[in-house]
Amino acid sequence: MKKGLRPITRSANPEPEDKNSISWIIWAAWADRITFEDIKETTGRSESEVIKIMRRNLSESSFRLWRKRTHNQSIKHRKKFESSRKQLKQRVYFSDDD
C-alpha cells in the first residue's frame, strides 16, 4: 500500500529550534534568503558580531568559503537585494520575432 503520492522532503540542515542559539545564527548566516538585517531583528546581533561568531565556530576553510559567498552576494544585504530586484523589474526585453 502506498503511503502517499508526494515524496517526503527532508532538509539536510533543518532550522534549529532556539532562535537565540549560536547554531541558529550559523544556520541563518549560511541561508541565502536570510539577510543580516533579519538576523539582527531576530537575535539582536549585528553583521560584525555574526562574522565573529562564524570565524570562531567554523573551520578556516569553511569560514573563507562563507565570507566569499556573502561578500559577493547582494542577497545577504536587504538594501542591495531590493535595489537589484528593482533593476531587474525595470529591464524591458524585446524580441526580434515580430
C-alpha atoms as a PDB file:
ATOM      1  CA  MET A   1       0.000   0.000   0.000  1.00  0.00           C
ATOM      2  CA  LYS A   2       1.364   3.432  -0.953  1.00  0.00           C
ATOM      3  CA  LYS A   3       1.944   5.880   1.867  1.00  0.00           C
ATOM      4  CA  GLY A   4       1.344   8.917  -0.301  1.00  0.00           C
ATOM      5  CA  LEU A   5       1.823  10.362  -3.713  1.00  0.00           C
ATOM      6  CA  ARG A   6       4.150  13.186  -2.699  1.00  0.00           C
ATOM      7  CA  PRO A   7       7.694  12.382  -1.618  1.00  0.00           C
ATOM      8  CA  ILE A   8       8.777  13.477   1.834  1.00  0.00           C
ATOM      9  CA  THR A   9      11.316  16.267   1.592  1.00  0.00           C
ATOM     10  CA  ARG A  10      13.898  16.169   4.318  1.00  0.00           C
ATOM     11  CA  SER A  11      16.239  19.078   4.751  1.00  0.00           C
ATOM     12  CA  ALA A  12      19.882  18.179   5.107  1.00  0.00           C
ATOM     13  CA  ASN A  13      20.251  21.008   7.576  1.00  0.00           C
ATOM     14  CA  PRO A  14      16.940  21.796   9.334  1.00  0.00           C
ATOM     15  CA  GLU A  15      16.390  25.073  11.155  1.00  0.00           C
ATOM     16  CA  PRO A  16      17.363  24.884  14.859  1.00  0.00           C
ATOM     17  CA  GLU A  17      14.505  25.453  17.308  1.00  0.00           C
ATOM     18  CA  ASP A  18      16.151  28.079  19.563  1.00  0.00           C
ATOM     19  CA  LYS A  19      16.497  31.307  17.578  1.00  0.00           C
ATOM     20  CA  ASN A  20      18.929  32.827  20.096  1.00  0.00           C
ATOM     21  CA  SER A  21      21.413  29.962  19.908  1.00  0.00           C
ATOM     22  CA  ILE A  22      24.746  30.061  18.117  1.00  0.00           C
ATOM     23  CA  SER A  23      23.628  27.158  15.923  1.00  0.00           C
ATOM     24  CA  TRP A  24      20.628  29.192  14.656  1.00  0.00           C
ATOM     25  CA  ILE A  25      22.890  32.168  13.859  1.00  0.00           C
ATOM     26  CA  ILE A  26      25.251  29.907  11.896  1.00  0.00           C
ATOM     27  CA  TRP A  27      22.298  28.282  10.102  1.00  0.00           C
ATOM     28  CA  ALA A  28      20.801  31.676   9.221  1.00  0.00           C
ATOM     29  CA  ALA A  29      24.158  33.068   8.081  1.00  0.00           C
ATOM     30  CA  TRP A  30      24.543  30.146   5.640  1.00  0.00           C
ATOM     31  CA  ALA A  31      20.961  30.509   4.374  1.00  0.00           C
ATOM     32  CA  ASP A  32      20.817  32.510   1.153  1.00  0.00           C
ATOM     33  CA  ARG A  33      17.453  34.188   1.735  1.00  0.00           C
ATOM     34  CA  ILE A  34      18.061  35.375   5.305  1.00  0.00           C
ATOM     35  CA  THR A  35      19.689  38.802   5.361  1.00  0.00           C
ATOM     36  CA  PHE A  36      21.959  40.198   8.041  1.00  0.00           C
ATOM     37  CA  GLU A  37      19.144  42.608   8.877  1.00  0.00           C
ATOM     38  CA  ASP A  38      16.803  39.667   9.527  1.00  0.00           C
ATOM     39  CA  ILE A  39      19.395  38.101  11.825  1.00  0.00           C
ATOM     40  CA  LYS A  40      19.736  41.407  13.699  1.00  0.00           C
ATOM     41  CA  GLU A  41      15.949  41.697  14.109  1.00  0.00           C
ATOM     42  CA  THR A  42      15.701  38.123  15.399  1.00  0.00           C
ATOM     43  CA  THR A  43      18.770  37.875  17.632  1.00  0.00           C
ATOM     44  CA  GLY A  44      19.976  41.437  18.127  1.00  0.00           C
ATOM     45  CA  ARG A  45      23.415  40.562  16.709  1.00  0.00           C
ATOM     46  CA  SER A  46      24.982  42.883  14.150  1.00  0.00           C
ATOM     47  CA  GLU A  47      26.720  41.788  10.955  1.00  0.00           C
ATOM     48  CA  SER A  48      30.157  42.179  12.545  1.00  0.00           C
ATOM     49  CA  GLU A  49      29.089  40.028  15.513  1.00  0.00           C
ATOM     50  CA  VAL A  50      27.781  37.350  13.139  1.00  0.00           C
ATOM     51  CA  ILE A  51      31.112  37.398  11.289  1.00  0.00           C
ATOM     52  CA  LYS A  52      32.974  36.942  14.600  1.00  0.00           C
ATOM     53  CA  ILE A  53      30.685  34.029  15.558  1.00  0.00           C
ATOM     54  CA  MET A  54      31.257  32.400  12.187  1.00  0.00           C
ATOM     55  CA  ARG A  55      35.029  32.896  12.447  1.00  0.00           C
ATOM     56  CA  ARG A  56      35.110  31.255  15.898  1.00  0.00           C
ATOM     57  CA  ASN A  57      32.842  28.318  15.108  1.00  0.00           C
ATOM     58  CA  LEU A  58      33.756  27.334  11.545  1.00  0.00           C
ATOM     59  CA  SER A  59      36.933  25.807  10.260  1.00  0.00           C
ATOM     60  CA  GLU A  60      39.236  28.232   8.483  1.00  0.00           C
ATOM     61  CA  SER A  61      38.386  26.938   5.003  1.00  0.00           C
ATOM     62  CA  SER A  62      34.625  26.935   5.703  1.00  0.00           C
ATOM     63  CA  PHE A  63      34.826  30.488   7.013  1.00  0.00           C
ATOM     64  CA  ARG A  64      36.698  31.653   3.894  1.00  0.00           C
ATOM     65  CA  LEU A  65      34.120  29.946   1.662  1.00  0.00           C
ATOM     66  CA  TRP A  66      31.244  31.547   3.599  1.00  0.00           C
ATOM     67  CA  ARG A  67      32.874  35.008   3.511  1.00  0.00           C
ATOM     68  CA  LYS A  68      33.414  34.728  -0.232  1.00  0.00           C
ATOM     69  CA  ARG A  69      29.738  33.808  -0.724  1.00  0.00           C
ATOM     70  CA  THR A  70      28.344  36.577   1.485  1.00  0.00           C
ATOM     71  CA  HIS A  71      30.709  39.215   0.157  1.00  0.00           C
ATOM     72  CA  ASN A  72      29.744  38.547  -3.464  1.00  0.00           C
ATOM     73  CA  GLN A  73      26.006  38.050  -2.914  1.00  0.00           C
ATOM     74  CA  SER A  74      23.669  41.005  -2.818  1.00  0.00           C
ATOM     75  CA  ILE A  75      21.057  38.789  -1.155  1.00  0.00           C
ATOM     76  CA  LYS A  76      22.663  38.963   2.296  1.00  0.00           C
ATOM     77  CA  HIS A  77      22.038  42.728   2.487  1.00  0.00           C
ATOM     78  CA  ARG A  78      18.417  43.795   2.223  1.00  0.00           C
ATOM     79  CA  LYS A  79      19.110  47.196   0.656  1.00  0.00           C
ATOM     80  CA  LYS A  80      21.346  45.732  -2.071  1.00  0.00           C
ATOM     81  CA  PHE A  81      18.880  42.925  -2.692  1.00  0.00           C
ATOM     82  CA  GLU A  82      15.916  45.278  -3.073  1.00  0.00           C
ATOM     83  CA  SER A  83      17.822  47.593  -5.434  1.00  0.00           C
ATOM     84  CA  SER A  84      18.950  44.653  -7.597  1.00  0.00           C
ATOM     85  CA  ARG A  85      15.325  43.439  -7.796  1.00  0.00           C
ATOM     86  CA  LYS A  86      14.195  46.914  -8.883  1.00  0.00           C
ATOM     87  CA  GLN A  87      16.802  46.907 -11.655  1.00  0.00           C
ATOM     88  CA  LEU A  88      15.544  43.541 -12.887  1.00  0.00           C
ATOM     89  CA  LYS A  89      11.950  44.768 -12.930  1.00  0.00           C
ATOM     90  CA  GLN A  90      12.899  47.917 -14.861  1.00  0.00           C
ATOM     91  CA  ARG A  91      14.537  45.996 -17.708  1.00  0.00           C
ATOM     92  CA  VAL A  92      12.374  45.592 -20.749  1.00  0.00           C
ATOM     93  CA  TYR A  93      13.085  42.728 -23.104  1.00  0.00           C
ATOM     94  CA  PHE A  94      12.138  42.966 -26.760  1.00  0.00           C
ATOM     95  CA  SER A  95      12.026  40.065 -29.158  1.00  0.00           C
ATOM     96  CA  ASP A  96      13.002  40.355 -32.816  1.00  0.00           C
ATOM     97  CA  ASP A  97      10.433  37.713 -33.815  1.00  0.00           C
ATOM     98  CA  ASP A  98       7.731  40.310 -34.691  1.00  0.00           C
END
